[in-house]
Amino acid sequence: MEQFTYQIGPEEGEERLDKWISAALPDLSRTYIQKCIREDGVLVNGRPRKAGYRLRADDEIVFLLPEAAEPAIEAENIPLDILYEDDDLLIVNKPKGMVVHPAPGHYSGTLVNAVLWHCRGQLSGINGILRPGIVHRIDRDTTGSLIVCKNDRAHRAVAEQLKAHSITRRYRAIVYGVLEADEGVIDAPIGRDPKERRRMAAGVVNGKSARTHYTVLERFREYTYIECRLETGRTHQIRVHMAYIGHPVLGDEVYSHRSAPYRLEGQTLHAMTIGLLHPATGAYLEAEAPLPDYFTHLLQILPR
């Protein structure tokens, strides 16, 4: 059994217990979290609470995640938006709301379920049966390009490039506020937020080095449309770094306390371009995922 312990910060009071844990552990479905709460797997200050319990500052949450036997992950005929494919690699354009790999409460409808069907099981096995072919990931509500490896040789080659920070990764985002500089670099280590353990934070002690380059593409009355290039690949890096400089990503429900005036279903963040050396040929390969419809529509209606 795995245990997660959190301390509620002064600005987090009055949020529902189940909603708070859903944000802290986004790989778990809210239905599964509510089931754990009903079965007394979540304690607040040492006592079981209901899903609708309103948290208070300084509350201590202990979430006991049951150990589960690894289930057989089923292949599912889920349509994929394929950007590139050969015998070694598959690069897909992941839609908003899709979880990359199975986790408790999310054993179907994931990208892994879809690629198992598409690739007929011909996927790398280095990351185990829950993550076949998966060498990196993007958040559930982030859209865009993602690499899937079809064999262990390709997996090892791509993993080495990720480790060396040599893979090209360019994102598009809309952020709150108007950025003054046309471009910049955010160089601040990222680690677990000591005051709010469900989040990452920039500038923390013992954080891992992180660098994000940004370029302004268009300024609006209250927002800025930017391109971000990752030099490193830390958890939530763009979301954390933009919040760190006072310009959180529009729609981000974890790193911004502002209410988005649009129906966005999460952050406006898109992994547009990914480039790497092909694991078999050594030639440079680049794929680009077009902006999703909701994103292009937002760019059209934002007040200038």
C-alpha atoms as a PDB file:
ATOM      1  CA  MET A   1       0.000   0.000   0.000  1.00  0.00           C
ATOM      2  CA  GLU A   2       1.340   3.399  -1.031  1.00  0.00           C
ATOM      3  CA  GLN A   3       0.771   6.377   1.260  1.00  0.00           C
ATOM      4  CA  PHE A   4       0.519  10.031   0.211  1.00  0.00           C
ATOM      5  CA  THR A   5       0.545  12.746   2.878  1.00  0.00           C
ATOM      6  CA  TYR A   6      -0.379  16.380   2.224  1.00  0.00           C
ATOM      7  CA  GLN A   7      -0.692  19.550   4.297  1.00  0.00           C
ATOM      8  CA  ILE A   8      -3.356  22.044   3.266  1.00  0.00           C
ATOM      9  CA  GLY A   9      -1.997  25.534   2.675  1.00  0.00           C
ATOM     10  CA  PRO A  10      -3.625  28.763   3.865  1.00  0.00           C
ATOM     11  CA  GLU A  11      -5.117  29.525   0.421  1.00  0.00           C
ATOM     12  CA  GLU A  12      -6.591  26.064  -0.147  1.00  0.00           C
ATOM     13  CA  GLY A  13      -9.384  26.069   2.406  1.00  0.00           C
ATOM     14  CA  GLU A  14     -13.032  25.400   1.502  1.00  0.00           C
ATOM     15  CA  GLU A  15     -12.223  23.082  -1.426  1.00  0.00           C
ATOM     16  CA  ARG A  16     -13.936  19.678  -1.543  1.00  0.00           C
ATOM     17  CA  LEU A  17     -11.783  16.771  -0.400  1.00  0.00           C
ATOM     18  CA  ASP A  18     -12.373  14.651  -3.521  1.00  0.00           C
ATOM     19  CA  LYS A  19     -11.696  17.567  -5.877  1.00  0.00           C
ATOM     20  CA  TRP A  20      -8.459  18.444  -4.073  1.00  0.00           C
ATOM     21  CA  ILE A  21      -7.132  14.887  -4.287  1.00  0.00           C
ATOM     22  CA  SER A  22      -8.129  14.686  -7.977  1.00  0.00           C
ATOM     23  CA  ALA A  23      -5.881  17.659  -8.655  1.00  0.00           C
ATOM     24  CA  ALA A  24      -3.097  16.215  -6.506  1.00  0.00           C
ATOM     25  CA  LEU A  25      -3.175  12.814  -8.227  1.00  0.00           C
ATOM     26  CA  PRO A  26      -4.416  13.493 -11.775  1.00  0.00           C
ATOM     27  CA  ASP A  27      -3.729   9.939 -12.982  1.00  0.00           C
ATOM     28  CA  LEU A  28      -6.509   8.661 -10.697  1.00  0.00           C
ATOM     29  CA  SER A  29     -10.119   9.113 -11.731  1.00  0.00           C
ATOM     30  CA  ARG A  30     -12.424  11.063  -9.457  1.00  0.00           C
ATOM     31  CA  THR A  31     -14.737   8.039  -9.283  1.00  0.00           C
ATOM     32  CA  TYR A  32     -11.882   5.886  -7.992  1.00  0.00           C
ATOM     33  CA  ILE A  33     -10.890   8.551  -5.444  1.00  0.00           C
ATOM     34  CA  GLN A  34     -14.473   8.765  -4.183  1.00  0.00           C
ATOM     35  CA  LYS A  35     -14.492   4.977  -3.811  1.00  0.00           C
ATOM     36  CA  CYS A  36     -11.318   5.156  -1.691  1.00  0.00           C
ATOM     37  CA  ILE A  37     -12.911   7.857   0.453  1.00  0.00           C
ATOM     38  CA  ARG A  38     -16.049   5.743   1.003  1.00  0.00           C
ATOM     39  CA  GLU A  39     -13.864   2.818   2.065  1.00  0.00           C
ATOM     40  CA  ASP A  40     -12.001   4.996   4.631  1.00  0.00           C
ATOM     41  CA  GLY A  41      -8.819   5.066   2.565  1.00  0.00           C
ATOM     42  CA  VAL A  42      -8.537   8.832   3.028  1.00  0.00           C
ATOM     43  CA  LEU A  43      -7.997  10.386   6.435  1.00  0.00           C
ATOM     44  CA  VAL A  44      -8.172  14.057   7.360  1.00  0.00           C
ATOM     45  CA  ASN A  45      -6.402  14.781  10.644  1.00  0.00           C
ATOM     46  CA  GLY A  46      -6.533  11.072  11.384  1.00  0.00           C
ATOM     47  CA  ARG A  47     -10.278  10.667  10.758  1.00  0.00           C
ATOM     48  CA  PRO A  48     -12.273   9.422   7.747  1.00  0.00           C
ATOM     49  CA  ARG A  49     -14.208  12.143   5.973  1.00  0.00           C
ATOM     50  CA  LYS A  50     -16.823  12.248   3.215  1.00  0.00           C
ATOM     51  CA  ALA A  51     -15.990  13.267  -0.348  1.00  0.00           C
ATOM     52  CA  GLY A  52     -17.736  16.618   0.094  1.00  0.00           C
ATOM     53  CA  TYR A  53     -15.801  17.583   3.226  1.00  0.00           C
ATOM     54  CA  ARG A  54     -14.573  21.177   2.930  1.00  0.00           C
ATOM     55  CA  LEU A  55     -10.887  21.381   3.665  1.00  0.00           C
ATOM     56  CA  ARG A  56      -9.414  23.894   6.095  1.00  0.00           C
ATOM     57  CA  ALA A  57      -5.964  25.440   6.304  1.00  0.00           C
ATOM     58  CA  ASP A  58      -3.461  23.149   8.060  1.00  0.00           C
ATOM     59  CA  ASP A  59      -5.585  20.018   7.570  1.00  0.00           C
ATOM     60  CA  GLU A  60      -3.418  16.928   7.052  1.00  0.00           C
ATOM     61  CA  ILE A  61      -4.582  14.500   4.382  1.00  0.00           C
ATOM     62  CA  VAL A  62      -3.348  10.921   4.341  1.00  0.00           C
ATOM     63  CA  PHE A  63      -4.335   8.985   1.225  1.00  0.00           C
ATOM     64  CA  LEU A  64      -3.741   5.229   1.381  1.00  0.00           C
ATOM     65  CA  LEU A  65      -3.565   3.920  -2.193  1.00  0.00           C
ATOM     66  CA  PRO A  66      -4.323   0.185  -2.183  1.00  0.00           C
ATOM     67  CA  GLU A  67      -1.925  -2.140  -3.910  1.00  0.00           C
ATOM     68  CA  ALA A  68      -3.655  -3.664  -6.883  1.00  0.00           C
ATOM     69  CA  ALA A  69      -2.657  -6.559  -9.049  1.00  0.00           C
ATOM     70  CA  GLU A  70      -1.600  -5.257 -12.440  1.00  0.00           C
ATOM     71  CA  PRO A  71      -4.668  -5.785 -14.620  1.00  0.00           C
ATOM     72  CA  ALA A  72      -4.635  -7.005 -18.189  1.00  0.00           C
ATOM     73  CA  ILE A  73      -4.822  -3.826 -20.240  1.00  0.00           C
ATOM     74  CA  GLU A  74      -7.190  -4.293 -23.149  1.00  0.00           C
ATOM     75  CA  ALA A  75      -6.612  -3.014 -26.654  1.00  0.00           C
ATOM     76  CA  GLU A  76      -9.415  -0.624 -27.629  1.00  0.00           C
ATOM     77  CA  ASN A  77     -10.388   0.614 -31.068  1.00  0.00           C
ATOM     78  CA  ILE A  78      -9.974   4.308 -30.274  1.00  0.00           C
ATOM     79  CA  PRO A  79      -9.183   6.546 -33.278  1.00  0.00           C
ATOM     80  CA  LEU A  80      -5.676   8.024 -33.267  1.00  0.00           C
ATOM     81  CA  ASP A  81      -4.500  11.217 -34.942  1.00  0.00           C
ATOM     82  CA  ILE A  82      -1.202   9.917 -36.338  1.00  0.00           C
ATOM     83  CA  LEU A  83       1.490  12.453 -37.215  1.00  0.00           C
ATOM     84  CA  TYR A  84       4.210   9.931 -38.166  1.00  0.00           C
ATOM     85  CA  GLU A  85       4.656   6.162 -38.186  1.00  0.00           C
ATOM     86  CA  ASP A  86       7.227   3.546 -39.215  1.00  0.00           C
ATOM     87  CA  ASP A  87       8.471   0.204 -37.853  1.00  0.00           C
ATOM     88  CA  ASP A  88      10.157   1.869 -34.843  1.00  0.00           C
ATOM     89  CA  LEU A  89       8.109   4.917 -33.908  1.00  0.00           C
ATOM     90  CA  LEU A  90       4.597   6.247 -33.709  1.00  0.00           C
ATOM     91  CA  ILE A  91       4.019   9.960 -33.106  1.00  0.00           C
ATOM     92  CA  VAL A  92       0.450  10.880 -32.236  1.00  0.00           C
ATOM     93  CA  ASN A  93      -1.493  14.062 -31.588  1.00  0.00           C
ATOM     94  CA  LYS A  94      -3.040  13.401 -28.155  1.00  0.00           C
ATOM     95  CA  PRO A  95      -6.464  14.997 -27.595  1.00  0.00           C
ATOM     96  CA  LYS A  96      -7.533  16.946 -24.524  1.00  0.00           C
ATOM     97  CA  GLY A  97      -8.874  14.823 -21.699  1.00  0.00           C
ATOM     98  CA  MET A  98      -7.049  11.614 -22.650  1.00  0.00           C
ATOM     99  CA  VAL A  99      -4.812  10.045 -19.997  1.00  0.00           C
ATOM    100  CA  VAL A 100      -1.553   8.704 -21.459  1.00  0.00           C
ATOM    101  CA  HIS A 101      -1.272   5.423 -19.538  1.00  0.00           C
ATOM    102  CA  PRO A 102      -3.575   3.355 -17.292  1.00  0.00           C
ATOM    103  CA  ALA A 103      -3.729   4.002 -13.554  1.00  0.00           C
ATOM    104  CA  PRO A 104      -6.238   3.089 -10.828  1.00  0.00           C
ATOM    105  CA  GLY A 105      -9.626   4.323 -12.023  1.00  0.00           C
ATOM    106  CA  HIS A 106      -8.319   4.798 -15.571  1.00  0.00           C
ATOM    107  CA  TYR A 107      -7.890   1.331 -17.071  1.00  0.00           C
ATOM    108  CA  SER A 108      -9.695   2.105 -20.314  1.00  0.00           C
ATOM    109  CA  GLY A 109      -9.889   4.981 -22.761  1.00  0.00           C
ATOM    110  CA  THR A 110      -6.195   5.821 -22.375  1.00  0.00           C
ATOM    111  CA  LEU A 111      -3.620   6.369 -25.089  1.00  0.00           C
ATOM    112  CA  VAL A 112      -2.088   2.998 -24.210  1.00  0.00           C
ATOM    113  CA  ASN A 113      -5.408   1.240 -24.858  1.00  0.00           C
ATOM    114  CA  ALA A 114      -5.547   2.934 -28.246  1.00  0.00           C
ATOM    115  CA  VAL A 115      -1.968   2.162 -29.339  1.00  0.00           C
ATOM    116  CA  LEU A 116      -2.284  -1.473 -28.221  1.00  0.00           C
ATOM    117  CA  TRP A 117      -5.061  -1.825 -30.790  1.00  0.00           C
ATOM    118  CA  HIS A 118      -3.299   0.151 -33.483  1.00  0.00           C
ATOM    119  CA  CYS A 119       0.118  -1.491 -33.079  1.00  0.00           C
ATOM    120  CA  ARG A 120      -1.257  -5.027 -32.524  1.00  0.00           C
ATOM    121  CA  GLY A 121       0.845  -5.305 -29.379  1.00  0.00           C
ATOM    122  CA  GLN A 122       4.131  -4.456 -31.116  1.00  0.00           C
ATOM    123  CA  LEU A 123       5.335  -2.010 -28.479  1.00  0.00           C
ATOM    124  CA  SER A 124       8.390  -1.641 -26.265  1.00  0.00           C
ATOM    125  CA  GLY A 125       8.107  -3.376 -22.911  1.00  0.00           C
ATOM    126  CA  ILE A 126      10.727  -1.471 -20.924  1.00  0.00           C
ATOM    127  CA  ASN A 127       8.157   0.476 -18.885  1.00  0.00           C
ATOM    128  CA  GLY A 128       6.062  -2.578 -17.981  1.00  0.00           C
ATOM    129  CA  ILE A 129       2.597  -3.773 -18.917  1.00  0.00           C
ATOM    130  CA  LEU A 130       0.823  -0.565 -17.861  1.00  0.00           C
ATOM    131  CA  ARG A 131       2.993   1.664 -20.052  1.00  0.00           C
ATOM    132  CA  PRO A 132       3.921  -0.293 -23.196  1.00  0.00           C
ATOM    133  CA  GLY A 133       5.606   1.967 -25.733  1.00  0.00           C
ATOM    134  CA  ILE A 134       5.439   5.003 -23.460  1.00  0.00           C
ATOM    135  CA  VAL A 135       8.777   6.811 -23.140  1.00  0.00           C
ATOM    136  CA  HIS A 136       7.439  10.228 -22.058  1.00  0.00           C
ATOM    137  CA  ARG A 137       4.067  11.781 -21.308  1.00  0.00           C
ATOM    138  CA  ILE A 138       2.046  14.969 -21.353  1.00  0.00           C
ATOM    139  CA  ASP A 139      -0.724  15.974 -18.971  1.00  0.00           C
ATOM    140  CA  ARG A 140      -4.292  14.769 -19.427  1.00  0.00           C
ATOM    141  CA  ASP A 141      -5.558  18.214 -20.443  1.00  0.00           C
ATOM    142  CA  THR A 142      -2.517  19.138 -22.551  1.00  0.00           C
ATOM    143  CA  THR A 143      -2.894  18.329 -26.233  1.00  0.00           C
ATOM    144  CA  GLY A 144      -0.312  17.579 -28.877  1.00  0.00           C
ATOM    145  CA  SER A 145       2.584  15.484 -30.106  1.00  0.00           C
ATOM    146  CA  LEU A 146       3.781  12.450 -28.182  1.00  0.00           C
ATOM    147  CA  ILE A 147       6.247   9.694 -29.120  1.00  0.00           C
ATOM    148  CA  VAL A 148       5.385   5.999 -28.784  1.00  0.00           C
ATOM    149  CA  CYS A 149       8.149   3.391 -29.230  1.00  0.00           C
ATOM    150  CA  LYS A 150       7.388   0.115 -30.982  1.00  0.00           C
ATOM    151  CA  ASN A 151      10.410  -1.829 -29.755  1.00  0.00           C
ATOM    152  CA  ASP A 152      12.962  -1.766 -26.947  1.00  0.00           C
ATOM    153  CA  ARG A 153      15.803  -0.573 -29.190  1.00  0.00           C
ATOM    154  CA  ALA A 154      13.841   2.521 -30.183  1.00  0.00           C
ATOM    155  CA  HIS A 155      12.753   3.059 -26.575  1.00  0.00           C
ATOM    156  CA  ARG A 156      16.329   3.058 -25.295  1.00  0.00           C
ATOM    157  CA  ALA A 157      17.488   5.441 -28.040  1.00  0.00           C
ATOM    158  CA  VAL A 158      14.677   7.928 -27.434  1.00  0.00           C
ATOM    159  CA  ALA A 159      15.115   7.694 -23.641  1.00  0.00           C
ATOM    160  CA  GLU A 160      18.799   8.584 -24.032  1.00  0.00           C
ATOM    161  CA  GLN A 161      17.883  11.672 -26.060  1.00  0.00           C
ATOM    162  CA  LEU A 162      15.341  12.695 -23.432  1.00  0.00           C
ATOM    163  CA  LYS A 163      17.965  12.272 -20.733  1.00  0.00           C
ATOM    164  CA  ALA A 164      20.432  14.394 -22.723  1.00  0.00           C
ATOM    165  CA  HIS A 165      17.745  17.091 -23.295  1.00  0.00           C
ATOM    166  CA  SER A 166      18.420  16.895 -27.043  1.00  0.00           C
ATOM    167  CA  ILE A 167      14.845  16.356 -28.209  1.00  0.00           C
ATOM    168  CA  THR A 168      13.151  19.426 -29.708  1.00  0.00           C
ATOM    169  CA  ARG A 169       9.933  20.269 -27.870  1.00  0.00           C
ATOM    170  CA  ARG A 170       8.014  23.410 -28.745  1.00  0.00           C
ATOM    171  CA  TYR A 171       4.672  24.230 -27.160  1.00  0.00           C
ATOM    172  CA  ARG A 172       1.996  26.848 -27.727  1.00  0.00           C
ATOM    173  CA  ALA A 173       0.203  28.439 -24.787  1.00  0.00           C
ATOM    174  CA  ILE A 174      -2.062  31.344 -23.906  1.00  0.00           C
ATOM    175  CA  VAL A 175      -1.142  32.946 -20.610  1.00  0.00           C
ATOM    176  CA  TYR A 176      -2.759  35.494 -18.328  1.00  0.00           C
ATOM    177  CA  GLY A 177      -1.522  39.067 -18.611  1.00  0.00           C
ATOM    178  CA  VAL A 178       0.506  40.887 -21.252  1.00  0.00           C
ATOM    179  CA  LEU A 179       4.179  39.940 -21.394  1.00  0.00           C
ATOM    180  CA  GLU A 180       6.367  42.989 -21.985  1.00  0.00           C
ATOM    181  CA  ALA A 181       9.488  41.308 -23.365  1.00  0.00           C
ATOM    182  CA  ASP A 182       9.251  39.710 -26.803  1.00  0.00           C
ATOM    183  CA  GLU A 183      11.239  36.732 -25.569  1.00  0.00           C
ATOM    184  CA  GLY A 184      12.920  35.430 -22.461  1.00  0.00           C
ATOM    185  CA  VAL A 185      14.345  32.491 -20.544  1.00  0.00           C
ATOM    186  CA  ILE A 186      12.995  31.215 -17.239  1.00  0.00           C
ATOM    187  CA  ASP A 187      15.797  29.492 -15.352  1.00  0.00           C
ATOM    188  CA  ALA A 188      14.466  28.235 -12.008  1.00  0.00           C
ATOM    189  CA  PRO A 189      14.731  24.768 -10.445  1.00  0.00           C
ATOM    190  CA  ILE A 190      11.491  22.818 -10.057  1.00  0.00           C
ATOM    191  CA  GLY A 191      10.547  20.500  -7.200  1.00  0.00           C
ATOM    192  CA  ARG A 192       7.626  19.543  -5.021  1.00  0.00           C
ATOM    193  CA  ASP A 193       5.952  22.575  -3.431  1.00  0.00           C
ATOM    194  CA  PRO A 194       6.732  22.328   0.320  1.00  0.00           C
ATOM    195  CA  LYS A 195       3.533  24.197   1.229  1.00  0.00           C
ATOM    196  CA  GLU A 196       1.151  22.472  -1.167  1.00  0.00           C
ATOM    197  CA  ARG A 197       2.317  18.945  -1.889  1.00  0.00           C
ATOM    198  CA  ARG A 198      -0.042  18.290  -4.797  1.00  0.00           C
ATOM    199  CA  ARG A 199       1.803  20.905  -6.840  1.00  0.00           C
ATOM    200  CA  MET A 200       5.253  21.501  -8.196  1.00  0.00           C
ATOM    201  CA  ALA A 201       6.983  24.842  -7.575  1.00  0.00           C
ATOM    202  CA  ALA A 202       9.847  26.842  -9.049  1.00  0.00           C
ATOM    203  CA  GLY A 203      12.784  28.138  -7.059  1.00  0.00           C
ATOM    204  CA  VAL A 204      12.499  25.526  -4.315  1.00  0.00           C
ATOM    205  CA  VAL A 205      15.433  24.120  -2.366  1.00  0.00           C
ATOM    206  CA  ASN A 206      16.661  20.811  -3.804  1.00  0.00           C
ATOM    207  CA  GLY A 207      14.627  21.334  -6.981  1.00  0.00           C
ATOM    208  CA  LYS A 208      15.911  19.982 -10.297  1.00  0.00           C
ATOM    209  CA  SER A 209      17.342  22.412 -12.843  1.00  0.00           C
ATOM    210  CA  ALA A 210      14.754  23.649 -15.337  1.00  0.00           C
ATOM    211  CA  ARG A 211      14.939  26.097 -18.254  1.00  0.00           C
ATOM    212  CA  THR A 212      12.077  27.302 -20.427  1.00  0.00           C
ATOM    213  CA  HIS A 213      12.522  29.651 -23.404  1.00  0.00           C
ATOM    214  CA  TYR A 214       9.484  31.676 -24.478  1.00  0.00           C
ATOM    215  CA  THR A 215       8.669  33.892 -27.451  1.00  0.00           C
ATOM    216  CA  VAL A 216       5.649  36.177 -27.767  1.00  0.00           C
ATOM    217  CA  LEU A 217       3.548  35.393 -30.833  1.00  0.00           C
ATOM    218  CA  GLU A 218       0.643  37.787 -30.220  1.00  0.00           C
ATOM    219  CA  ARG A 219      -0.563  40.112 -27.475  1.00  0.00           C
ATOM    220  CA  PHE A 220      -4.202  40.527 -26.539  1.00  0.00           C
ATOM    221  CA  ARG A 221      -5.882  42.946 -24.168  1.00  0.00           C
ATOM    222  CA  GLU A 222      -5.552  40.640 -21.147  1.00  0.00           C
ATOM    223  CA  TYR A 223      -3.598  37.636 -22.435  1.00  0.00           C
ATOM    224  CA  THR A 224      -0.489  36.689 -24.409  1.00  0.00           C
ATOM    225  CA  TYR A 225      -0.091  33.932 -26.981  1.00  0.00           C
ATOM    226  CA  ILE A 226       3.385  32.423 -26.713  1.00  0.00           C
ATOM    227  CA  GLU A 227       5.634  29.642 -27.947  1.00  0.00           C
ATOM    228  CA  CYS A 228       7.689  27.801 -25.330  1.00  0.00           C
ATOM    229  CA  ARG A 229      10.751  25.679 -25.993  1.00  0.00           C
ATOM    230  CA  LEU A 230      11.758  23.223 -23.311  1.00  0.00           C
ATOM    231  CA  GLU A 231      15.457  22.892 -22.566  1.00  0.00           C
ATOM    232  CA  THR A 232      14.632  20.434 -19.770  1.00  0.00           C
ATOM    233  CA  GLY A 233      11.536  18.324 -19.159  1.00  0.00           C
ATOM    234  CA  ARG A 234      10.348  18.616 -15.564  1.00  0.00           C
ATOM    235  CA  THR A 235       6.848  17.778 -14.362  1.00  0.00           C
ATOM    236  CA  HIS A 236       4.422  20.586 -15.320  1.00  0.00           C
ATOM    237  CA  GLN A 237       7.447  22.689 -16.346  1.00  0.00           C
ATOM    238  CA  ILE A 238       5.739  25.272 -18.557  1.00  0.00           C
ATOM    239  CA  ARG A 239       2.762  25.601 -16.228  1.00  0.00           C
ATOM    240  CA  VAL A 240       5.024  26.058 -13.186  1.00  0.00           C
ATOM    241  CA  HIS A 241       7.465  28.458 -14.857  1.00  0.00           C
ATOM    242  CA  MET A 242       4.796  30.714 -16.333  1.00  0.00           C
ATOM    243  CA  ALA A 243       3.028  30.909 -12.962  1.00  0.00           C
ATOM    244  CA  TYR A 244       6.406  31.637 -11.360  1.00  0.00           C
ATOM    245  CA  ILE A 245       6.815  34.825 -13.437  1.00  0.00           C
ATOM    246  CA  GLY A 246       3.218  35.894 -12.803  1.00  0.00           C
ATOM    247  CA  HIS A 247       1.701  34.738 -16.097  1.00  0.00           C
ATOM    248  CA  PRO A 248       0.008  31.367 -15.463  1.00  0.00           C
ATOM    249  CA  VAL A 249      -1.455  29.411 -18.352  1.00  0.00           C
ATOM    250  CA  LEU A 250      -5.070  30.312 -19.091  1.00  0.00           C
ATOM    251  CA  GLY A 251      -7.426  27.651 -17.722  1.00  0.00           C
ATOM    252  CA  ASP A 252      -4.851  26.077 -15.419  1.00  0.00           C
ATOM    253  CA  GLU A 253      -6.809  24.970 -12.357  1.00  0.00           C
ATOM    254  CA  VAL A 254      -3.726  23.999 -10.321  1.00  0.00           C
ATOM    255  CA  TYR A 255      -1.241  26.832 -10.831  1.00  0.00           C
ATOM    256  CA  SER A 256      -3.653  29.740 -11.168  1.00  0.00           C
ATOM    257  CA  HIS A 257      -6.260  30.988  -8.719  1.00  0.00           C
ATOM    258  CA  ARG A 258      -8.031  32.950 -11.446  1.00  0.00           C
ATOM    259  CA  SER A 259     -11.323  31.826 -12.962  1.00  0.00           C
ATOM    260  CA  ALA A 260     -11.134  31.490 -16.730  1.00  0.00           C
ATOM    261  CA  PRO A 261     -14.030  33.291 -18.469  1.00  0.00           C
ATOM    262  CA  TYR A 262     -14.167  30.559 -21.129  1.00  0.00           C
ATOM    263  CA  ARG A 263     -15.141  26.868 -21.069  1.00  0.00           C
ATOM    264  CA  LEU A 264     -11.702  25.350 -21.506  1.00  0.00           C
ATOM    265  CA  GLU A 265     -11.607  22.038 -19.596  1.00  0.00           C
ATOM    266  CA  GLY A 266      -8.077  22.624 -18.382  1.00  0.00           C
ATOM    267  CA  GLN A 267      -5.045  24.595 -19.445  1.00  0.00           C
ATOM    268  CA  THR A 268      -4.566  26.088 -22.939  1.00  0.00           C
ATOM    269  CA  LEU A 269      -1.305  24.273 -23.585  1.00  0.00           C
ATOM    270  CA  HIS A 270      -0.420  22.397 -26.767  1.00  0.00           C
ATOM    271  CA  ALA A 271       2.681  20.326 -27.560  1.00  0.00           C
ATOM    272  CA  MET A 272       2.969  21.469 -31.157  1.00  0.00           C
ATOM    273  CA  THR A 273       6.387  20.288 -32.361  1.00  0.00           C
ATOM    274  CA  ILE A 274       8.595  17.359 -31.426  1.00  0.00           C
ATOM    275  CA  GLY A 275      11.906  16.531 -33.094  1.00  0.00           C
ATOM    276  CA  LEU A 276      14.467  13.787 -32.521  1.00  0.00           C
ATOM    277  CA  LEU A 277      17.148  11.679 -34.147  1.00  0.00           C
ATOM    278  CA  HIS A 278      15.518   8.584 -35.577  1.00  0.00           C
ATOM    279  CA  PRO A 279      16.608   5.578 -33.485  1.00  0.00           C
ATOM    280  CA  ALA A 280      17.352   3.427 -36.564  1.00  0.00           C
ATOM    281  CA  THR A 281      18.610   5.864 -39.224  1.00  0.00           C
ATOM    282  CA  GLY A 282      20.064   8.668 -37.113  1.00  0.00           C
ATOM    283  CA  ALA A 283      18.347  11.216 -39.359  1.00  0.00           C
ATOM    284  CA  TYR A 284      16.564  14.154 -37.770  1.00  0.00           C
ATOM    285  CA  LEU A 285      12.792  13.671 -37.662  1.00  0.00           C
ATOM    286  CA  GLU A 286      10.276  16.356 -36.745  1.00  0.00           C
ATOM    287  CA  ALA A 287       6.490  16.169 -36.409  1.00  0.00           C
ATOM    288  CA  GLU A 288       4.009  18.986 -35.852  1.00  0.00           C
ATOM    289  CA  ALA A 289       0.552  18.741 -34.327  1.00  0.00           C
ATOM    290  CA  PRO A 290      -1.874  21.418 -35.540  1.00  0.00           C
ATOM    291  CA  LEU A 291      -3.597  23.538 -32.924  1.00  0.00           C
ATOM    292  CA  PRO A 292      -6.866  21.986 -31.703  1.00  0.00           C
ATOM    293  CA  ASP A 293     -10.108  23.674 -32.729  1.00  0.00           C
ATOM    294  CA  TYR A 294     -10.859  25.075 -29.268  1.00  0.00           C
ATOM    295  CA  PHE A 295      -7.453  26.779 -29.238  1.00  0.00           C
ATOM    296  CA  THR A 296      -7.801  28.404 -32.679  1.00  0.00           C
ATOM    297  CA  HIS A 297     -11.324  29.533 -31.796  1.00  0.00           C
ATOM    298  CA  LEU A 298     -10.039  31.140 -28.609  1.00  0.00           C
ATOM    299  CA  LEU A 299      -7.372  33.032 -30.565  1.00  0.00           C
ATOM    300  CA  GLN A 300     -10.124  34.415 -32.781  1.00  0.00           C
ATOM    301  CA  ILE A 301     -12.401  35.642 -29.989  1.00  0.00           C
ATOM    302  CA  LEU A 302      -9.959  37.012 -27.414  1.00  0.00           C
ATOM    303  CA  PRO A 303     -10.339  40.805 -27.145  1.00  0.00           C
ATOM    304  CA  ARG A 304      -7.479  42.700 -28.738  1.00  0.00           C
END
